[in-house]
Amino acid sequence: MNSEHLTLLLVREMPYGKYKGRKIADLPGHYLGWFAREGFPKGELGQLLALMYELDHNDLRALLHPLRARP
């Protein structure tokens, strides 16, 4: 896991789909689970979605709280 990727979860937006415009860190677990079952997109977006899925699935979303508090 790259700490830079954790920061990117808070700033990158979903570029398409039902949750277009929502920050990746704020995507619901069921949506992330759908990607885990159907396949993550290629490239950085897929890596970020897979990371967020792992955080959500393992109940580790709280790891992002200190990063949200940064100015």
PDB file of N, CA and C in Angstrom:
ATOM      1  N   MET A   1       0.852  -1.176   0.000  1.00  0.00           N
ATOM      2  CA  MET A   1       0.000   0.000   0.000  1.00  0.00           C
ATOM      3  C   MET A   1       0.895   1.235   0.000  1.00  0.00           C
ATOM      4  N   ASN A   2       0.559   2.165  -0.821  1.00  0.00           N
ATOM      5  CA  ASN A   2       1.302   3.405  -0.967  1.00  0.00           C
ATOM      6  C   ASN A   2       0.520   4.513  -0.256  1.00  0.00           C
ATOM      7  N   SER A   3       1.204   5.266   0.619  1.00  0.00           N
ATOM      8  CA  SER A   3       0.509   6.321   1.362  1.00  0.00           C
ATOM      9  C   SER A   3      -0.046   7.394   0.425  1.00  0.00           C
ATOM     10  N   GLU A   4       0.610   7.589  -0.713  1.00  0.00           N
ATOM     11  CA  GLU A   4       0.104   8.554  -1.687  1.00  0.00           C
ATOM     12  C   GLU A   4      -1.254   8.100  -2.227  1.00  0.00           C
ATOM     13  N   HIS A   5      -1.424   6.793  -2.395  1.00  0.00           N
ATOM     14  CA  HIS A   5      -2.711   6.274  -2.869  1.00  0.00           C
ATOM     15  C   HIS A   5      -3.818   6.533  -1.859  1.00  0.00           C
ATOM     16  N   LEU A   6      -3.499   6.466  -0.575  1.00  0.00           N
ATOM     17  CA  LEU A   6      -4.517   6.769   0.438  1.00  0.00           C
ATOM     18  C   LEU A   6      -5.002   8.201   0.286  1.00  0.00           C
ATOM     19  N   THR A   7      -4.078   9.117   0.041  1.00  0.00           N
ATOM     20  CA  THR A   7      -4.450  10.517  -0.161  1.00  0.00           C
ATOM     21  C   THR A   7      -5.283  10.678  -1.430  1.00  0.00           C
ATOM     22  N   LEU A   8      -4.918   9.938  -2.480  1.00  0.00           N
ATOM     23  CA  LEU A   8      -5.663  10.041  -3.734  1.00  0.00           C
ATOM     24  C   LEU A   8      -7.110   9.573  -3.582  1.00  0.00           C
ATOM     25  N   LEU A   9      -7.356   8.634  -2.681  1.00  0.00           N
ATOM     26  CA  LEU A   9      -8.731   8.173  -2.445  1.00  0.00           C
ATOM     27  C   LEU A   9      -9.634   9.322  -2.016  1.00  0.00           C
ATOM     28  N   LEU A  10      -9.051  10.310  -1.362  1.00  0.00           N
ATOM     29  CA  LEU A  10      -9.832  11.432  -0.834  1.00  0.00           C
ATOM     30  C   LEU A  10     -10.042  12.559  -1.837  1.00  0.00           C
ATOM     31  N   VAL A  11      -9.267  12.552  -2.923  1.00  0.00           N
ATOM     32  CA  VAL A  11      -9.379  13.662  -3.873  1.00  0.00           C
ATOM     33  C   VAL A  11      -9.871  13.243  -5.253  1.00  0.00           C
ATOM     34  N   ARG A  12      -9.627  12.005  -5.642  1.00  0.00           N
ATOM     35  CA  ARG A  12     -10.065  11.538  -6.959  1.00  0.00           C
ATOM     36  C   ARG A  12     -11.546  11.236  -6.944  1.00  0.00           C
ATOM     37  N   GLU A  13     -12.197  11.624  -8.028  1.00  0.00           N
ATOM     38  CA  GLU A  13     -13.635  11.390  -8.160  1.00  0.00           C
ATOM     39  C   GLU A  13     -13.886  10.242  -9.129  1.00  0.00           C
ATOM     40  N   MET A  14     -14.980   9.561  -8.901  1.00  0.00           N
ATOM     41  CA  MET A  14     -15.401   8.508  -9.811  1.00  0.00           C
ATOM     42  C   MET A  14     -15.772   9.184 -11.127  1.00  0.00           C
ATOM     43  N   PRO A  15     -15.144   8.789 -12.243  1.00  0.00           N
ATOM     44  CA  PRO A  15     -15.361   9.512 -13.498  1.00  0.00           C
ATOM     45  C   PRO A  15     -16.620   9.113 -14.274  1.00  0.00           C
ATOM     46  N   TYR A  16     -17.295   8.044 -13.866  1.00  0.00           N
ATOM     47  CA  TYR A  16     -18.466   7.588 -14.618  1.00  0.00           C
ATOM     48  C   TYR A  16     -19.378   6.762 -13.712  1.00  0.00           C
ATOM     49  N   GLY A  17     -20.535   6.436 -14.250  1.00  0.00           N
ATOM     50  CA  GLY A  17     -21.455   5.547 -13.553  1.00  0.00           C
ATOM     51  C   GLY A  17     -22.386   6.256 -12.589  1.00  0.00           C
ATOM     52  N   LYS A  18     -23.087   5.454 -11.827  1.00  0.00           N
ATOM     53  CA  LYS A  18     -24.091   5.936 -10.882  1.00  0.00           C
ATOM     54  C   LYS A  18     -23.511   6.927  -9.880  1.00  0.00           C
ATOM     55  N   TYR A  19     -22.261   6.734  -9.495  1.00  0.00           N
ATOM     56  CA  TYR A  19     -21.632   7.589  -8.488  1.00  0.00           C
ATOM     57  C   TYR A  19     -20.612   8.549  -9.094  1.00  0.00           C
ATOM     58  N   LYS A  20     -20.822   8.924 -10.341  1.00  0.00           N
ATOM     59  CA  LYS A  20     -19.941   9.871 -11.020  1.00  0.00           C
ATOM     60  C   LYS A  20     -19.842  11.151 -10.185  1.00  0.00           C
ATOM     61  N   GLY A  21     -18.608  11.619  -9.983  1.00  0.00           N
ATOM     62  CA  GLY A  21     -18.375  12.848  -9.229  1.00  0.00           C
ATOM     63  C   GLY A  21     -18.164  12.642  -7.743  1.00  0.00           C
ATOM     64  N   ARG A  22     -18.450  11.456  -7.241  1.00  0.00           N
ATOM     65  CA  ARG A  22     -18.253  11.180  -5.810  1.00  0.00           C
ATOM     66  C   ARG A  22     -16.799  10.759  -5.576  1.00  0.00           C
ATOM     67  N   LYS A  23     -16.219  11.232  -4.496  1.00  0.00           N
ATOM     68  CA  LYS A  23     -14.849  10.849  -4.142  1.00  0.00           C
ATOM     69  C   LYS A  23     -14.780   9.338  -3.959  1.00  0.00           C
ATOM     70  N   ILE A  24     -13.682   8.733  -4.382  1.00  0.00           N
ATOM     71  CA  ILE A  24     -13.536   7.281  -4.283  1.00  0.00           C
ATOM     72  C   ILE A  24     -13.656   6.824  -2.835  1.00  0.00           C
ATOM     73  N   ALA A  25     -13.143   7.607  -1.906  1.00  0.00           N
ATOM     74  CA  ALA A  25     -13.228   7.246  -0.487  1.00  0.00           C
ATOM     75  C   ALA A  25     -14.664   7.238   0.029  1.00  0.00           C
ATOM     76  N   ASP A  26     -15.568   7.886  -0.696  1.00  0.00           N
ATOM     77  CA  ASP A  26     -16.960   7.978  -0.254  1.00  0.00           C
ATOM     78  C   ASP A  26     -17.908   7.043  -1.009  1.00  0.00           C
ATOM     79  N   LEU A  27     -17.345   6.171  -1.839  1.00  0.00           N
ATOM     80  CA  LEU A  27     -18.190   5.221  -2.563  1.00  0.00           C
ATOM     81  C   LEU A  27     -18.725   4.175  -1.595  1.00  0.00           C
ATOM     82  N   PRO A  28     -19.983   3.753  -1.785  1.00  0.00           N
ATOM     83  CA  PRO A  28     -20.548   2.751  -0.880  1.00  0.00           C
ATOM     84  C   PRO A  28     -19.920   1.366  -1.088  1.00  0.00           C
ATOM     85  N   GLY A  29     -19.908   0.592  -0.027  1.00  0.00           N
ATOM     86  CA  GLY A  29     -19.305  -0.731  -0.045  1.00  0.00           C
ATOM     87  C   GLY A  29     -19.903  -1.667  -1.073  1.00  0.00           C
ATOM     88  N   HIS A  30     -21.222  -1.604  -1.279  1.00  0.00           N
ATOM     89  CA  HIS A  30     -21.849  -2.507  -2.248  1.00  0.00           C
ATOM     90  C   HIS A  30     -21.373  -2.229  -3.664  1.00  0.00           C
ATOM     91  N   TYR A  31     -21.087  -0.968  -3.972  1.00  0.00           N
ATOM     92  CA  TYR A  31     -20.575  -0.593  -5.292  1.00  0.00           C
ATOM     93  C   TYR A  31     -19.150  -1.114  -5.467  1.00  0.00           C
ATOM     94  N   LEU A  32     -18.332  -0.959  -4.439  1.00  0.00           N
ATOM     95  CA  LEU A  32     -16.968  -1.479  -4.480  1.00  0.00           C
ATOM     96  C   LEU A  32     -16.980  -2.997  -4.597  1.00  0.00           C
ATOM     97  N   GLY A  33     -17.902  -3.633  -3.901  1.00  0.00           N
ATOM     98  CA  GLY A  33     -18.038  -5.083  -3.983  1.00  0.00           C
ATOM     99  C   GLY A  33     -18.424  -5.540  -5.379  1.00  0.00           C
ATOM    100  N   TRP A  34     -19.247  -4.765  -6.054  1.00  0.00           N
ATOM    101  CA  TRP A  34     -19.627  -5.093  -7.421  1.00  0.00           C
ATOM    102  C   TRP A  34     -18.386  -5.110  -8.315  1.00  0.00           C
ATOM    103  N   PHE A  35     -17.532  -4.092  -8.169  1.00  0.00           N
ATOM    104  CA  PHE A  35     -16.291  -4.066  -8.946  1.00  0.00           C
ATOM    105  C   PHE A  35     -15.414  -5.266  -8.603  1.00  0.00           C
ATOM    106  N   ALA A  36     -15.351  -5.630  -7.336  1.00  0.00           N
ATOM    107  CA  ALA A  36     -14.528  -6.774  -6.926  1.00  0.00           C
ATOM    108  C   ALA A  36     -15.024  -8.060  -7.602  1.00  0.00           C
ATOM    109  N   ARG A  37     -16.321  -8.190  -7.761  1.00  0.00           N
ATOM    110  CA  ARG A  37     -16.883  -9.382  -8.406  1.00  0.00           C
ATOM    111  C   ARG A  37     -16.744  -9.339  -9.929  1.00  0.00           C
ATOM    112  N   GLU A  38     -16.994  -8.164 -10.516  1.00  0.00           N
ATOM    113  CA  GLU A  38     -17.032  -8.034 -11.978  1.00  0.00           C
ATOM    114  C   GLU A  38     -15.680  -7.686 -12.593  1.00  0.00           C
ATOM    115  N   GLY A  39     -14.782  -7.148 -11.796  1.00  0.00           N
ATOM    116  CA  GLY A  39     -13.457  -6.763 -12.294  1.00  0.00           C
ATOM    117  C   GLY A  39     -13.240  -5.264 -12.188  1.00  0.00           C
ATOM    118  N   PHE A  40     -12.093  -4.898 -11.657  1.00  0.00           N
ATOM    119  CA  PHE A  40     -11.740  -3.483 -11.539  1.00  0.00           C
ATOM    120  C   PHE A  40     -11.231  -2.983 -12.887  1.00  0.00           C
ATOM    121  N   PRO A  41     -11.459  -1.704 -13.192  1.00  0.00           N
ATOM    122  CA  PRO A  41     -10.920  -1.156 -14.444  1.00  0.00           C
ATOM    123  C   PRO A  41      -9.386  -1.172 -14.413  1.00  0.00           C
ATOM    124  N   LYS A  42      -8.811  -1.064 -15.567  1.00  0.00           N
ATOM    125  CA  LYS A  42      -7.347  -1.038 -15.663  1.00  0.00           C
ATOM    126  C   LYS A  42      -6.820   0.325 -15.230  1.00  0.00           C
ATOM    127  N   GLY A  43      -5.559   0.368 -14.891  1.00  0.00           N
ATOM    128  CA  GLY A  43      -4.893   1.625 -14.586  1.00  0.00           C
ATOM    129  C   GLY A  43      -5.069   2.076 -13.145  1.00  0.00           C
ATOM    130  N   GLU A  44      -4.778   3.348 -12.951  1.00  0.00           N
ATOM    131  CA  GLU A  44      -4.795   3.915 -11.606  1.00  0.00           C
ATOM    132  C   GLU A  44      -6.185   3.869 -10.976  1.00  0.00           C
ATOM    133  N   LEU A  45      -7.212   4.124 -11.762  1.00  0.00           N
ATOM    134  CA  LEU A  45      -8.572   4.080 -11.211  1.00  0.00           C
ATOM    135  C   LEU A  45      -8.856   2.701 -10.625  1.00  0.00           C
ATOM    136  N   GLY A  46      -8.525   1.663 -11.343  1.00  0.00           N
ATOM    137  CA  GLY A  46      -8.738   0.308 -10.853  1.00  0.00           C
ATOM    138  C   GLY A  46      -7.950   0.019  -9.587  1.00  0.00           C
ATOM    139  N   GLN A  47      -6.722   0.515  -9.529  1.00  0.00           N
ATOM    140  CA  GLN A  47      -5.902   0.331  -8.328  1.00  0.00           C
ATOM    141  C   GLN A  47      -6.526   1.029  -7.130  1.00  0.00           C
ATOM    142  N   LEU A  48      -7.023   2.236  -7.346  1.00  0.00           N
ATOM    143  CA  LEU A  48      -7.640   2.986  -6.248  1.00  0.00           C
ATOM    144  C   LEU A  48      -8.943   2.332  -5.796  1.00  0.00           C
ATOM    145  N   LEU A  49      -9.738   1.868  -6.740  1.00  0.00           N
ATOM    146  CA  LEU A  49     -10.986   1.193  -6.375  1.00  0.00           C
ATOM    147  C   LEU A  49     -10.695  -0.104  -5.621  1.00  0.00           C
ATOM    148  N   ALA A  50      -9.679  -0.846  -6.044  1.00  0.00           N
ATOM    149  CA  ALA A  50      -9.310  -2.082  -5.359  1.00  0.00           C
ATOM    150  C   ALA A  50      -8.817  -1.792  -3.940  1.00  0.00           C
ATOM    151  N   LEU A  51      -8.039  -0.732  -3.785  1.00  0.00           N
ATOM    152  CA  LEU A  51      -7.565  -0.348  -2.459  1.00  0.00           C
ATOM    153  C   LEU A  51      -8.740   0.047  -1.566  1.00  0.00           C
ATOM    154  N   MET A  52      -9.661   0.839  -2.110  1.00  0.00           N
ATOM    155  CA  MET A  52     -10.816   1.257  -1.310  1.00  0.00           C
ATOM    156  C   MET A  52     -11.683   0.066  -0.962  1.00  0.00           C
ATOM    157  N   TYR A  53     -11.810  -0.887  -1.864  1.00  0.00           N
ATOM    158  CA  TYR A  53     -12.557  -2.101  -1.575  1.00  0.00           C
ATOM    159  C   TYR A  53     -11.925  -2.842  -0.395  1.00  0.00           C
ATOM    160  N   GLU A  54     -10.605  -2.982  -0.409  1.00  0.00           N
ATOM    161  CA  GLU A  54      -9.913  -3.682   0.683  1.00  0.00           C
ATOM    162  C   GLU A  54     -10.117  -2.955   2.013  1.00  0.00           C
ATOM    163  N   LEU A  55     -10.033  -1.639   1.990  1.00  0.00           N
ATOM    164  CA  LEU A  55     -10.260  -0.872   3.218  1.00  0.00           C
ATOM    165  C   LEU A  55     -11.677  -1.072   3.729  1.00  0.00           C
ATOM    166  N   ASP A  56     -12.643  -1.011   2.818  1.00  0.00           N
ATOM    167  CA  ASP A  56     -14.044  -1.177   3.206  1.00  0.00           C
ATOM    168  C   ASP A  56     -14.322  -2.598   3.685  1.00  0.00           C
ATOM    169  N   HIS A  57     -13.869  -3.566   2.926  1.00  0.00           N
ATOM    170  CA  HIS A  57     -14.141  -4.972   3.236  1.00  0.00           C
ATOM    171  C   HIS A  57     -13.543  -5.388   4.579  1.00  0.00           C
ATOM    172  N   ASN A  58     -12.402  -4.817   4.924  1.00  0.00           N
ATOM    173  CA  ASN A  58     -11.722  -5.157   6.178  1.00  0.00           C
ATOM    174  C   ASN A  58     -12.008  -4.154   7.293  1.00  0.00           C
ATOM    175  N   ASP A  59     -13.033  -3.329   7.088  1.00  0.00           N
ATOM    176  CA  ASP A  59     -13.467  -2.354   8.090  1.00  0.00           C
ATOM    177  C   ASP A  59     -12.325  -1.424   8.518  1.00  0.00           C
ATOM    178  N   LEU A  60     -11.589  -0.920   7.525  1.00  0.00           N
ATOM    179  CA  LEU A  60     -10.444  -0.051   7.791  1.00  0.00           C
ATOM    180  C   LEU A  60     -10.636   1.365   7.235  1.00  0.00           C
ATOM    181  N   ARG A  61     -11.861   1.749   6.954  1.00  0.00           N
ATOM    182  CA  ARG A  61     -12.100   3.110   6.445  1.00  0.00           C
ATOM    183  C   ARG A  61     -11.593   4.179   7.414  1.00  0.00           C
ATOM    184  N   ALA A  62     -11.531   3.841   8.692  1.00  0.00           N
ATOM    185  CA  ALA A  62     -11.075   4.805   9.697  1.00  0.00           C
ATOM    186  C   ALA A  62      -9.629   5.237   9.464  1.00  0.00           C
ATOM    187  N   LEU A  63      -8.860   4.461   8.704  1.00  0.00           N
ATOM    188  CA  LEU A  63      -7.491   4.867   8.384  1.00  0.00           C
ATOM    189  C   LEU A  63      -7.455   6.176   7.601  1.00  0.00           C
ATOM    190  N   LEU A  64      -8.541   6.506   6.954  1.00  0.00           N
ATOM    191  CA  LEU A  64      -8.593   7.732   6.156  1.00  0.00           C
ATOM    192  C   LEU A  64      -8.947   8.972   6.978  1.00  0.00           C
ATOM    193  N   HIS A  65      -9.484   8.789   8.169  1.00  0.00           N
ATOM    194  CA  HIS A  65      -9.920   9.929   8.988  1.00  0.00           C
ATOM    195  C   HIS A  65      -8.812  10.930   9.265  1.00  0.00           C
ATOM    196  N   PRO A  66      -7.607  10.501   9.662  1.00  0.00           N
ATOM    197  CA  PRO A  66      -6.550  11.494   9.904  1.00  0.00           C
ATOM    198  C   PRO A  66      -6.180  12.268   8.633  1.00  0.00           C
ATOM    199  N   LEU A  67      -6.274  11.623   7.492  1.00  0.00           N
ATOM    200  CA  LEU A  67      -5.947  12.296   6.232  1.00  0.00           C
ATOM    201  C   LEU A  67      -7.027  13.306   5.863  1.00  0.00           C
ATOM    202  N   ARG A  68      -8.260  13.031   6.211  1.00  0.00           N
ATOM    203  CA  ARG A  68      -9.352  13.988   5.949  1.00  0.00           C
ATOM    204  C   ARG A  68      -9.186  15.253   6.797  1.00  0.00           C
ATOM    205  N   ALA A  69      -8.598  15.095   7.972  1.00  0.00           N
ATOM    206  CA  ALA A  69      -8.453  16.222   8.891  1.00  0.00           C
ATOM    207  C   ALA A  69      -7.330  17.167   8.504  1.00  0.00           C
ATOM    208  N   ARG A  70      -6.463  16.727   7.589  1.00  0.00           N
ATOM    209  CA  ARG A  70      -5.349  17.588   7.172  1.00  0.00           C
ATOM    210  C   ARG A  70      -5.862  18.775   6.377  1.00  0.00           C
ATOM    211  N   PRO A  71      -5.215  19.937   6.564  1.00  0.00           N
ATOM    212  CA  PRO A  71      -5.636  21.128   5.799  1.00  0.00           C
ATOM    213  C   PRO A  71      -5.248  21.047   4.347  1.00  0.00           C
TER     214      PRO A  71
END
